[in-house]
Amino acid sequence: MARYSKEHSSKVETWVNSTTVGLSSTELINHFETTINKLWEKSSHQISEVTLSAVMDRAIFTSSDTHKFMLELKLGPSGIRWDEFREKTTDINRN
């Protein structure tokens, strides 16, 4: 399990670095929102909303160790409540 997690993290990090170069915090949030919404939509056709919510909640919790801004993400019945996230998150530290 740890090996998969490390490989997955590496792939995600590579993707983030290749798609977000030069983006402002607002642009990063827009990119993040678009990507997560696409993943949610795609996944919701494969697994139940309850399972998808549990997976997303775990991903947010795990990611918040490295990326504190993730703690501001709150789940609603149909995904992340982006309005609240945008109100509280104005600067994303990329490091």
N, C-alpha and C. Protein backbone atom coordinates (compact mmCIF):
# COMPACT_ATOMS: atom_id res chain seq x y z
N MET A 1 0.82 -1.20 0.00
CA MET A 1 0.00 0.00 0.00
C MET A 1 0.86 1.25 0.00
N ALA A 2 1.93 1.27 0.79
CA ALA A 2 2.79 2.45 0.87
C ALA A 2 3.44 2.73 -0.48
N ARG A 3 3.85 1.69 -1.21
CA ARG A 3 4.48 1.86 -2.51
C ARG A 3 3.51 2.54 -3.48
N TYR A 4 2.26 2.05 -3.51
CA TYR A 4 1.26 2.66 -4.37
C TYR A 4 1.07 4.12 -4.02
N SER A 5 0.98 4.41 -2.75
CA SER A 5 0.78 5.78 -2.30
C SER A 5 1.92 6.68 -2.75
N LYS A 6 3.14 6.19 -2.66
CA LYS A 6 4.30 6.97 -3.07
C LYS A 6 4.30 7.19 -4.58
N GLU A 7 3.98 6.13 -5.34
CA GLU A 7 3.90 6.26 -6.80
C GLU A 7 2.80 7.23 -7.19
N HIS A 8 1.65 7.09 -6.56
CA HIS A 8 0.52 7.97 -6.86
C HIS A 8 0.87 9.42 -6.55
N SER A 9 1.44 9.65 -5.39
CA SER A 9 1.83 11.01 -5.00
C SER A 9 2.80 11.60 -6.00
N SER A 10 3.73 10.80 -6.45
CA SER A 10 4.71 11.27 -7.43
C SER A 10 4.04 11.67 -8.74
N LYS A 11 3.09 10.87 -9.18
CA LYS A 11 2.37 11.17 -10.43
C LYS A 11 1.52 12.43 -10.29
N VAL A 12 0.85 12.56 -9.16
CA VAL A 12 0.04 13.76 -8.92
C VAL A 12 0.93 14.99 -8.88
N GLU A 13 2.04 14.90 -8.18
CA GLU A 13 2.98 16.03 -8.08
C GLU A 13 3.50 16.43 -9.46
N THR A 14 3.83 15.46 -10.28
CA THR A 14 4.31 15.73 -11.65
C THR A 14 3.22 16.42 -12.45
N TRP A 15 1.98 15.93 -12.35
CA TRP A 15 0.87 16.54 -13.08
C TRP A 15 0.64 17.97 -12.60
N VAL A 16 0.62 18.18 -11.30
CA VAL A 16 0.40 19.53 -10.76
C VAL A 16 1.49 20.47 -11.25
N ASN A 17 2.73 20.04 -11.16
CA ASN A 17 3.84 20.90 -11.58
C ASN A 17 3.79 21.21 -13.07
N SER A 18 3.31 20.29 -13.88
CA SER A 18 3.29 20.53 -15.33
C SER A 18 2.08 21.33 -15.79
N THR A 19 1.04 21.43 -14.96
CA THR A 19 -0.18 22.13 -15.41
C THR A 19 -0.44 23.44 -14.68
N THR A 20 0.40 23.79 -13.72
CA THR A 20 0.09 24.99 -12.93
C THR A 20 1.21 26.03 -12.90
N VAL A 21 2.22 25.85 -13.72
CA VAL A 21 3.35 26.79 -13.73
C VAL A 21 2.85 28.19 -14.04
N GLY A 22 3.22 29.13 -13.18
CA GLY A 22 2.90 30.54 -13.41
C GLY A 22 1.49 30.97 -13.05
N LEU A 23 0.69 30.07 -12.52
CA LEU A 23 -0.68 30.44 -12.16
C LEU A 23 -0.72 31.19 -10.83
N SER A 24 -1.59 32.19 -10.76
CA SER A 24 -1.81 32.91 -9.51
C SER A 24 -2.62 32.03 -8.57
N SER A 25 -2.78 32.46 -7.32
CA SER A 25 -3.59 31.69 -6.36
C SER A 25 -5.01 31.51 -6.86
N THR A 26 -5.60 32.56 -7.42
CA THR A 26 -6.97 32.46 -7.94
C THR A 26 -7.04 31.47 -9.09
N GLU A 27 -6.06 31.52 -9.97
CA GLU A 27 -6.03 30.59 -11.10
C GLU A 27 -5.80 29.16 -10.62
N LEU A 28 -4.97 28.99 -9.60
CA LEU A 28 -4.76 27.66 -9.03
C LEU A 28 -6.05 27.10 -8.44
N ILE A 29 -6.78 27.94 -7.73
CA ILE A 29 -8.05 27.51 -7.15
C ILE A 29 -9.03 27.13 -8.26
N ASN A 30 -9.11 27.93 -9.32
CA ASN A 30 -9.99 27.61 -10.45
C ASN A 30 -9.60 26.27 -11.08
N HIS A 31 -8.31 26.07 -11.28
CA HIS A 31 -7.80 24.82 -11.87
C HIS A 31 -8.13 23.63 -10.95
N PHE A 32 -7.90 23.81 -9.68
CA PHE A 32 -8.18 22.78 -8.68
C PHE A 32 -9.67 22.43 -8.68
N GLU A 33 -10.51 23.46 -8.67
CA GLU A 33 -11.96 23.24 -8.66
C GLU A 33 -12.41 22.49 -9.91
N THR A 34 -11.96 22.92 -11.05
CA THR A 34 -12.34 22.27 -12.31
C THR A 34 -11.93 20.80 -12.32
N THR A 35 -10.70 20.55 -11.89
CA THR A 35 -10.18 19.18 -11.89
C THR A 35 -10.95 18.29 -10.92
N ILE A 36 -11.15 18.77 -9.70
CA ILE A 36 -11.86 17.97 -8.70
C ILE A 36 -13.31 17.72 -9.14
N ASN A 37 -13.95 18.74 -9.70
CA ASN A 37 -15.33 18.56 -10.16
C ASN A 37 -15.42 17.51 -11.28
N LYS A 38 -14.44 17.52 -12.18
CA LYS A 38 -14.42 16.51 -13.26
C LYS A 38 -14.23 15.11 -12.67
N LEU A 39 -13.30 14.99 -11.72
CA LEU A 39 -13.07 13.69 -11.08
C LEU A 39 -14.32 13.22 -10.33
N TRP A 40 -14.99 14.14 -9.65
CA TRP A 40 -16.21 13.80 -8.90
C TRP A 40 -17.28 13.30 -9.87
N GLU A 41 -17.47 14.05 -10.95
CA GLU A 41 -18.50 13.68 -11.93
C GLU A 41 -18.21 12.31 -12.54
N LYS A 42 -16.99 12.09 -12.94
CA LYS A 42 -16.60 10.81 -13.54
C LYS A 42 -16.78 9.66 -12.54
N SER A 43 -16.34 9.88 -11.32
CA SER A 43 -16.39 8.84 -10.30
C SER A 43 -17.81 8.54 -9.84
N SER A 44 -18.67 9.54 -9.86
CA SER A 44 -20.03 9.35 -9.36
C SER A 44 -20.84 8.38 -10.21
N HIS A 45 -20.36 8.10 -11.42
CA HIS A 45 -21.03 7.12 -12.27
C HIS A 45 -20.51 5.70 -12.01
N GLN A 46 -19.44 5.61 -11.24
CA GLN A 46 -18.80 4.31 -10.99
C GLN A 46 -19.06 3.79 -9.57
N ILE A 47 -19.13 4.71 -8.60
CA ILE A 47 -19.34 4.30 -7.21
C ILE A 47 -20.44 5.16 -6.60
N SER A 48 -20.96 4.73 -5.46
CA SER A 48 -22.05 5.47 -4.82
C SER A 48 -21.55 6.81 -4.27
N GLU A 49 -22.47 7.73 -4.09
CA GLU A 49 -22.15 9.05 -3.52
C GLU A 49 -21.56 8.90 -2.12
N VAL A 50 -22.06 7.94 -1.35
CA VAL A 50 -21.55 7.71 0.01
C VAL A 50 -20.08 7.29 -0.05
N THR A 51 -19.78 6.34 -0.93
CA THR A 51 -18.40 5.88 -1.07
C THR A 51 -17.51 6.99 -1.60
N LEU A 52 -18.00 7.70 -2.60
CA LEU A 52 -17.24 8.80 -3.18
C LEU A 52 -16.96 9.88 -2.13
N SER A 53 -17.93 10.20 -1.32
CA SER A 53 -17.74 11.19 -0.26
C SER A 53 -16.70 10.71 0.75
N ALA A 54 -16.74 9.44 1.09
CA ALA A 54 -15.77 8.88 2.04
C ALA A 54 -14.36 8.93 1.46
N VAL A 55 -14.22 8.59 0.19
CA VAL A 55 -12.91 8.63 -0.47
C VAL A 55 -12.39 10.07 -0.51
N MET A 56 -13.25 11.01 -0.90
CA MET A 56 -12.84 12.41 -0.99
C MET A 56 -12.49 12.96 0.39
N ASP A 57 -13.27 12.60 1.40
CA ASP A 57 -12.98 13.05 2.76
C ASP A 57 -11.61 12.55 3.21
N ARG A 58 -11.30 11.31 2.91
CA ARG A 58 -10.00 10.73 3.28
C ARG A 58 -8.87 11.41 2.50
N ALA A 59 -9.09 11.69 1.22
CA ALA A 59 -8.08 12.36 0.40
C ALA A 59 -7.80 13.77 0.93
N ILE A 60 -8.84 14.47 1.31
CA ILE A 60 -8.68 15.82 1.87
C ILE A 60 -7.89 15.74 3.17
N PHE A 61 -8.30 14.83 4.05
CA PHE A 61 -7.62 14.68 5.34
C PHE A 61 -6.14 14.35 5.16
N THR A 62 -5.86 13.38 4.30
CA THR A 62 -4.47 12.96 4.07
C THR A 62 -3.65 14.08 3.44
N SER A 63 -4.23 14.77 2.48
CA SER A 63 -3.52 15.85 1.79
C SER A 63 -3.27 17.06 2.68
N SER A 64 -4.11 17.23 3.68
CA SER A 64 -3.98 18.40 4.54
C SER A 64 -2.71 18.37 5.40
N ASP A 65 -2.09 17.20 5.53
CA ASP A 65 -0.81 17.13 6.23
C ASP A 65 0.24 17.98 5.52
N THR A 66 0.23 17.93 4.22
CA THR A 66 1.20 18.65 3.40
C THR A 66 0.68 20.00 2.95
N HIS A 67 -0.62 20.07 2.66
CA HIS A 67 -1.23 21.27 2.10
C HIS A 67 -2.34 21.74 3.05
N LYS A 68 -1.99 22.62 3.98
CA LYS A 68 -2.92 23.06 5.04
C LYS A 68 -4.21 23.68 4.49
N PHE A 69 -4.14 24.32 3.32
CA PHE A 69 -5.33 24.94 2.76
C PHE A 69 -6.44 23.92 2.50
N MET A 70 -6.07 22.64 2.39
CA MET A 70 -7.06 21.59 2.14
C MET A 70 -8.04 21.44 3.30
N LEU A 71 -7.63 21.88 4.49
CA LEU A 71 -8.53 21.81 5.65
C LEU A 71 -9.77 22.68 5.47
N GLU A 72 -9.69 23.64 4.57
CA GLU A 72 -10.84 24.51 4.32
C GLU A 72 -11.88 23.88 3.40
N LEU A 73 -11.55 22.75 2.77
CA LEU A 73 -12.51 22.08 1.90
C LEU A 73 -13.57 21.39 2.74
N LYS A 74 -14.81 21.64 2.39
CA LYS A 74 -15.95 21.02 3.07
C LYS A 74 -16.80 20.31 2.03
N LEU A 75 -17.23 19.10 2.37
CA LEU A 75 -18.05 18.33 1.45
C LEU A 75 -19.52 18.59 1.68
N GLY A 76 -20.24 18.69 0.57
CA GLY A 76 -21.69 18.76 0.60
C GLY A 76 -22.23 17.51 -0.08
N PRO A 77 -23.53 17.42 -0.24
CA PRO A 77 -24.13 16.22 -0.83
C PRO A 77 -23.69 15.95 -2.27
N SER A 78 -23.29 16.98 -2.98
CA SER A 78 -22.91 16.76 -4.39
C SER A 78 -21.48 17.21 -4.66
N GLY A 79 -20.65 17.15 -3.64
CA GLY A 79 -19.25 17.49 -3.84
C GLY A 79 -18.77 18.57 -2.88
N ILE A 80 -17.69 19.19 -3.26
CA ILE A 80 -17.08 20.23 -2.42
C ILE A 80 -17.87 21.52 -2.52
N ARG A 81 -18.00 22.20 -1.39
CA ARG A 81 -18.66 23.51 -1.35
C ARG A 81 -17.58 24.56 -1.66
N TRP A 82 -17.47 24.90 -2.91
CA TRP A 82 -16.39 25.78 -3.39
C TRP A 82 -16.53 27.21 -2.92
N ASP A 83 -17.75 27.70 -2.73
CA ASP A 83 -17.93 29.09 -2.30
C ASP A 83 -17.26 29.33 -0.95
N GLU A 84 -17.48 28.43 -0.01
CA GLU A 84 -16.84 28.55 1.31
C GLU A 84 -15.33 28.47 1.19
N PHE A 85 -14.86 27.54 0.39
CA PHE A 85 -13.42 27.38 0.20
C PHE A 85 -12.81 28.66 -0.35
N ARG A 86 -13.46 29.25 -1.36
CA ARG A 86 -12.94 30.49 -1.97
C ARG A 86 -12.94 31.66 -0.98
N GLU A 87 -13.95 31.71 -0.12
CA GLU A 87 -14.01 32.79 0.88
C GLU A 87 -12.84 32.71 1.86
N LYS A 88 -12.44 31.50 2.23
CA LYS A 88 -11.43 31.31 3.25
C LYS A 88 -10.02 31.13 2.70
N THR A 89 -9.92 30.76 1.43
CA THR A 89 -8.61 30.46 0.85
C THR A 89 -8.30 31.48 -0.24
N THR A 90 -7.42 32.40 0.09
CA THR A 90 -7.08 33.43 -0.89
C THR A 90 -5.63 33.29 -1.38
N ASP A 91 -4.85 32.52 -0.66
CA ASP A 91 -3.45 32.36 -1.05
C ASP A 91 -3.04 30.91 -0.85
N ILE A 92 -2.64 30.26 -1.94
CA ILE A 92 -2.18 28.90 -1.87
C ILE A 92 -0.68 28.88 -1.95
N ASN A 93 -0.06 28.39 -0.90
CA ASN A 93 1.39 28.26 -0.88
C ASN A 93 1.73 26.97 -1.61
N ARG A 94 2.47 27.08 -2.69
CA ARG A 94 2.78 25.91 -3.52
C ARG A 94 3.81 25.00 -2.89
N ASN A 95 4.47 25.40 -1.83
CA ASN A 95 5.53 24.58 -1.23
C ASN A 95 5.01 23.80 -0.05
